[in-house]
């Protein structure tokens, strides 16, 4: 299996973009792991931070039909378990 996320992560890491979680005031960084909402079963990983404050997330567990998508960081809840 080929890792297709590395070039995107390297490119955005070089830019050092960050976003601020408006509810908690915490800094959202590339590579951080979150639940989409309180009690949500899956975990997403921040892949890119857009200029307008939106973040590109991708499900931590790959599989068919899993695509990156943009969300506002306000609803994200930090994941408390270690990465897979």
C-alpha atoms as a PDB file:
ATOM      1  CA  UNK A   1       0.000   0.000   0.000  1.00  0.00           C
ATOM      2  CA  UNK A   2       1.384   3.389  -0.988  1.00  0.00           C
ATOM      3  CA  UNK A   3       1.275   6.281   1.479  1.00  0.00           C
ATOM      4  CA  UNK A   4      -0.411   9.091  -0.470  1.00  0.00           C
ATOM      5  CA  UNK A   5      -0.689  11.480   2.497  1.00  0.00           C
ATOM      6  CA  UNK A   6       3.023  12.161   3.013  1.00  0.00           C
ATOM      7  CA  UNK A   7       3.539  14.826   0.291  1.00  0.00           C
ATOM      8  CA  UNK A   8       0.520  16.784   1.515  1.00  0.00           C
ATOM      9  CA  UNK A   9       1.658  16.593   5.142  1.00  0.00           C
ATOM     10  CA  UNK A  10       5.229  17.596   4.270  1.00  0.00           C
ATOM     11  CA  UNK A  11       4.050  20.548   2.177  1.00  0.00           C
ATOM     12  CA  UNK A  12       1.761  21.910   4.872  1.00  0.00           C
ATOM     13  CA  UNK A  13       4.236  21.246   7.689  1.00  0.00           C
ATOM     14  CA  UNK A  14       6.731  23.489   5.927  1.00  0.00           C
ATOM     15  CA  UNK A  15       4.181  26.303   5.954  1.00  0.00           C
ATOM     16  CA  UNK A  16       3.643  25.932   9.745  1.00  0.00           C
ATOM     17  CA  UNK A  17      -0.041  26.749   9.459  1.00  0.00           C
ATOM     18  CA  UNK A  18      -2.153  26.598  12.572  1.00  0.00           C
ATOM     19  CA  UNK A  19      -5.780  27.260  13.338  1.00  0.00           C
ATOM     20  CA  UNK A  20      -7.393  28.206  16.614  1.00  0.00           C
ATOM     21  CA  UNK A  21     -10.293  26.224  18.040  1.00  0.00           C
ATOM     22  CA  UNK A  22     -12.752  29.056  18.737  1.00  0.00           C
ATOM     23  CA  UNK A  23     -14.583  27.168  21.493  1.00  0.00           C
ATOM     24  CA  UNK A  24     -11.571  26.072  23.559  1.00  0.00           C
ATOM     25  CA  UNK A  25      -8.874  28.468  22.314  1.00  0.00           C
ATOM     26  CA  UNK A  26      -6.520  25.521  21.716  1.00  0.00           C
ATOM     27  CA  UNK A  27      -4.232  25.510  18.681  1.00  0.00           C
ATOM     28  CA  UNK A  28      -5.116  22.982  15.975  1.00  0.00           C
ATOM     29  CA  UNK A  29      -2.015  21.590  14.226  1.00  0.00           C
ATOM     30  CA  UNK A  30      -1.428  19.298  11.272  1.00  0.00           C
ATOM     31  CA  UNK A  31      -1.314  15.684  12.457  1.00  0.00           C
ATOM     32  CA  UNK A  32      -3.540  16.280  15.494  1.00  0.00           C
ATOM     33  CA  UNK A  33      -6.215  13.635  16.104  1.00  0.00           C
ATOM     34  CA  UNK A  34      -9.855  14.507  16.855  1.00  0.00           C
ATOM     35  CA  UNK A  35     -13.374  13.157  17.039  1.00  0.00           C
ATOM     36  CA  UNK A  36     -15.771  15.111  14.808  1.00  0.00           C
ATOM     37  CA  UNK A  37     -18.138  15.694  17.732  1.00  0.00           C
ATOM     38  CA  UNK A  38     -18.546  14.580  21.360  1.00  0.00           C
ATOM     39  CA  UNK A  39     -19.295  10.855  21.382  1.00  0.00           C
ATOM     40  CA  UNK A  40     -18.455  10.322  17.699  1.00  0.00           C
ATOM     41  CA  UNK A  41     -16.971   6.853  17.177  1.00  0.00           C
ATOM     42  CA  UNK A  42     -14.307   7.546  14.525  1.00  0.00           C
ATOM     43  CA  UNK A  43     -11.135   9.600  14.715  1.00  0.00           C
ATOM     44  CA  UNK A  44      -9.972  12.063  12.066  1.00  0.00           C
ATOM     45  CA  UNK A  45      -6.481  13.468  11.516  1.00  0.00           C
ATOM     46  CA  UNK A  46      -5.802  17.073  10.498  1.00  0.00           C
ATOM     47  CA  UNK A  47      -4.115  16.978   7.064  1.00  0.00           C
ATOM     48  CA  UNK A  48      -4.199  20.643   5.990  1.00  0.00           C
ATOM     49  CA  UNK A  49      -5.219  24.020   7.384  1.00  0.00           C
ATOM     50  CA  UNK A  50      -6.852  26.470   4.976  1.00  0.00           C
ATOM     51  CA  UNK A  51      -6.482  30.266   5.104  1.00  0.00           C
ATOM     52  CA  UNK A  52     -10.171  30.740   5.964  1.00  0.00           C
ATOM     53  CA  UNK A  53      -9.887  28.629   9.130  1.00  0.00           C
ATOM     54  CA  UNK A  54     -11.276  25.413   7.657  1.00  0.00           C
ATOM     55  CA  UNK A  55      -9.265  22.246   8.190  1.00  0.00           C
ATOM     56  CA  UNK A  56      -8.925  19.275   5.861  1.00  0.00           C
ATOM     57  CA  UNK A  57      -9.436  16.078   7.850  1.00  0.00           C
ATOM     58  CA  UNK A  58      -9.140  12.438   6.903  1.00  0.00           C
ATOM     59  CA  UNK A  59     -10.378   9.358   8.740  1.00  0.00           C
ATOM     60  CA  UNK A  60      -7.590   7.712  10.718  1.00  0.00           C
ATOM     61  CA  UNK A  61      -8.688   4.257   9.562  1.00  0.00           C
ATOM     62  CA  UNK A  62      -8.428   3.990   5.761  1.00  0.00           C
ATOM     63  CA  UNK A  63     -10.946   2.026   3.755  1.00  0.00           C
ATOM     64  CA  UNK A  64     -13.300   2.143   0.787  1.00  0.00           C
ATOM     65  CA  UNK A  65     -15.247   5.380   0.573  1.00  0.00           C
ATOM     66  CA  UNK A  66     -12.916   7.254   2.944  1.00  0.00           C
ATOM     67  CA  UNK A  67     -12.052  10.669   1.523  1.00  0.00           C
ATOM     68  CA  UNK A  68     -10.586  13.856   3.030  1.00  0.00           C
ATOM     69  CA  UNK A  69     -13.102  16.657   3.663  1.00  0.00           C
ATOM     70  CA  UNK A  70     -13.192  20.214   5.036  1.00  0.00           C
ATOM     71  CA  UNK A  71     -14.674  21.064   8.441  1.00  0.00           C
ATOM     72  CA  UNK A  72     -14.665  23.962  10.875  1.00  0.00           C
ATOM     73  CA  UNK A  73     -12.436  23.125  13.852  1.00  0.00           C
ATOM     74  CA  UNK A  74     -15.051  24.334  16.378  1.00  0.00           C
ATOM     75  CA  UNK A  75     -16.801  20.956  16.709  1.00  0.00           C
ATOM     76  CA  UNK A  76     -13.639  18.842  16.943  1.00  0.00           C
ATOM     77  CA  UNK A  77     -12.991  17.036  20.227  1.00  0.00           C
ATOM     78  CA  UNK A  78      -9.403  15.895  20.994  1.00  0.00           C
ATOM     79  CA  UNK A  79      -8.955  12.130  20.736  1.00  0.00           C
ATOM     80  CA  UNK A  80      -7.831  10.594  24.014  1.00  0.00           C
ATOM     81  CA  UNK A  81      -6.570   7.264  22.670  1.00  0.00           C
ATOM     82  CA  UNK A  82      -3.239   6.652  20.948  1.00  0.00           C
ATOM     83  CA  UNK A  83      -2.908   6.416  17.161  1.00  0.00           C
ATOM     84  CA  UNK A  84      -3.565   3.129  15.405  1.00  0.00           C
END
